Protein backbone atom coordinates (compact mmCIF):
# COMPACT_ATOMS: atom_id res chain seq x y z
CA UNK A 1 0.02 0.00 -0.02
CA UNK A 2 1.43 3.35 -0.98
CA UNK A 3 0.38 5.66 1.82
CA UNK A 4 3.38 7.99 2.74
CA UNK A 5 1.71 9.48 5.85
CA UNK A 6 1.11 6.10 7.56
CA UNK A 7 3.50 3.17 7.49
CA UNK A 8 2.52 -0.05 9.23
CA UNK A 9 4.93 -2.78 8.15
CA UNK A 10 2.39 -5.62 8.56
CA UNK A 11 0.68 -7.77 5.97
CA UNK A 12 -2.83 -6.47 6.70
CA UNK A 13 -4.27 -9.13 4.33
CA UNK A 14 -2.84 -12.04 6.32
CA UNK A 15 -5.93 -13.36 7.95
CA UNK A 16 -3.96 -16.23 9.56
CA UNK A 17 -2.82 -13.64 12.10
CA UNK A 18 -5.52 -13.20 14.73
CA UNK A 19 -4.07 -10.22 16.54
CA UNK A 20 -1.02 -8.07 15.92
CA UNK A 21 0.27 -5.58 18.39
CA UNK A 22 2.89 -2.92 17.60
CA UNK A 23 4.04 0.49 18.92
CA UNK A 24 3.76 3.65 16.91
CA UNK A 25 4.72 7.27 16.94
CA UNK A 26 3.40 10.38 15.13
CA UNK A 27 5.95 12.97 14.03
CA UNK A 28 5.47 16.21 12.31
CA UNK A 29 6.93 16.02 8.85
CA UNK A 30 7.60 18.80 6.34
CA UNK A 31 4.18 18.18 4.64
CA UNK A 32 2.20 17.22 7.72
CA UNK A 33 2.02 14.52 10.44
CA UNK A 34 3.33 10.98 9.77
CA UNK A 35 2.48 7.86 11.70
CA UNK A 36 5.11 5.19 11.75
CA UNK A 37 4.65 1.70 13.47
CA UNK A 38 7.06 -0.99 14.29
CA UNK A 39 7.16 -4.50 12.97
CA UNK A 40 8.23 -6.03 16.20
CA UNK A 41 5.67 -5.90 19.12
CA UNK A 42 8.41 -5.06 21.71
CA UNK A 43 10.19 -2.41 19.81
CA UNK A 44 10.77 0.85 21.61
CA UNK A 45 9.19 4.10 20.72
CA UNK A 46 12.80 5.57 20.66
CA UNK A 47 13.68 3.15 17.89
CA UNK A 48 10.81 4.38 15.83
CA UNK A 49 11.85 7.98 16.35
CA UNK A 50 15.38 7.01 15.22
CA UNK A 51 13.96 5.24 12.03
CA UNK A 52 11.76 8.29 11.33
CA UNK A 53 14.83 10.56 11.53
CA UNK A 54 16.78 8.23 9.17
CA UNK A 55 13.81 8.44 6.79
CA UNK A 56 14.04 12.18 6.80
CA UNK A 57 11.21 13.06 9.18
CA UNK A 58 12.91 15.75 11.25
CA UNK A 59 9.93 17.45 12.88
CA UNK A 60 8.67 17.27 16.51
CA UNK A 61 7.37 13.93 17.81
CA UNK A 62 3.79 14.61 18.68
CA UNK A 63 3.28 11.38 20.73
CA UNK A 64 2.72 7.72 20.28
CA UNK A 65 0.97 4.59 21.47
CA UNK A 66 0.07 1.00 20.53
CA UNK A 67 -1.77 -0.40 17.66
CA UNK A 68 -3.78 -3.59 17.90
CA UNK A 69 -4.48 -5.03 14.47
CA UNK A 70 -6.99 -7.75 13.78
CA UNK A 71 -6.87 -8.85 10.01
CA UNK A 72 -9.71 -11.30 10.48
CA UNK A 73 -12.10 -8.61 11.61
CA UNK A 74 -10.29 -5.87 9.47
CA UNK A 75 -9.93 -3.53 12.51
CA UNK A 76 -7.14 -1.41 13.92
CA UNK A 77 -7.41 0.05 17.39
CA UNK A 78 -4.99 2.77 18.62
CA UNK A 79 -4.48 3.46 22.29
CA UNK A 80 -2.09 4.02 25.15
CA UNK A 81 0.89 6.33 25.16
CA UNK A 82 4.68 6.62 25.15
CA UNK A 83 6.57 7.41 28.39
CA UNK A 84 8.79 10.05 26.77
CA UNK A 85 6.36 11.50 24.31
CA UNK A 86 2.95 11.03 25.83
CA UNK A 87 -0.12 10.07 23.88
CA UNK A 88 -0.31 10.97 20.05
CA UNK A 89 -3.04 13.61 19.46
CA UNK A 90 -6.46 11.94 19.13
CA UNK A 91 -7.69 13.79 16.16
CA UNK A 92 -4.40 13.40 14.22
CA UNK A 93 -4.35 9.63 14.74
CA UNK A 94 -8.06 9.36 13.77
CA UNK A 95 -7.52 11.18 10.54
CA UNK A 96 -4.38 9.36 9.47
CA UNK A 97 -5.65 5.94 10.32
CA UNK A 98 -9.10 6.64 8.74
CA UNK A 99 -7.48 7.30 5.44
CA UNK A 100 -5.20 4.30 5.88
CA UNK A 101 -7.95 1.95 6.85
CA UNK A 102 -10.10 3.07 4.04
CA UNK A 103 -7.32 2.36 1.49
CA UNK A 104 -6.72 -1.05 3.16
CA UNK A 105 -10.29 -2.04 3.14
CA UNK A 106 -10.52 -2.04 6.99
CA UNK A 107 -13.28 -0.75 9.22
CA UNK A 108 -13.05 2.66 10.67
CA UNK A 109 -10.26 2.70 13.23
CA UNK A 110 -11.03 2.73 16.92
CA UNK A 111 -8.82 5.54 18.39
CA UNK A 112 -8.82 6.01 22.19
CA UNK A 113 -5.65 8.03 22.81
CA UNK A 114 -7.32 10.25 25.41
CA UNK A 115 -8.48 7.40 27.59
CA UNK A 116 -5.03 6.38 28.80
């Protein structure tokens, strides 16, 4: 999938995976916010920031959290927060994931950044 604003390195069509969990960050890029997720469930948010910097995203880190991905139900839930950066902004995550989910054929995302 070619969405430059959201990168989730999972095969979202792999329905053999019942539930995937990964950390994510949102950073301000030159042309707006970018969401970057990890491939490994226990990766650190700091490693995601480092990878975003290597990718050329030099703006402020707005926050982060955890994604729970269910390919069988075609749902993505975003919640929790990072220790260093706090929760990603609710509205920004909703907008980024709504576009991404629409392109991937997933249900509207469940975003609960403000509950944690």
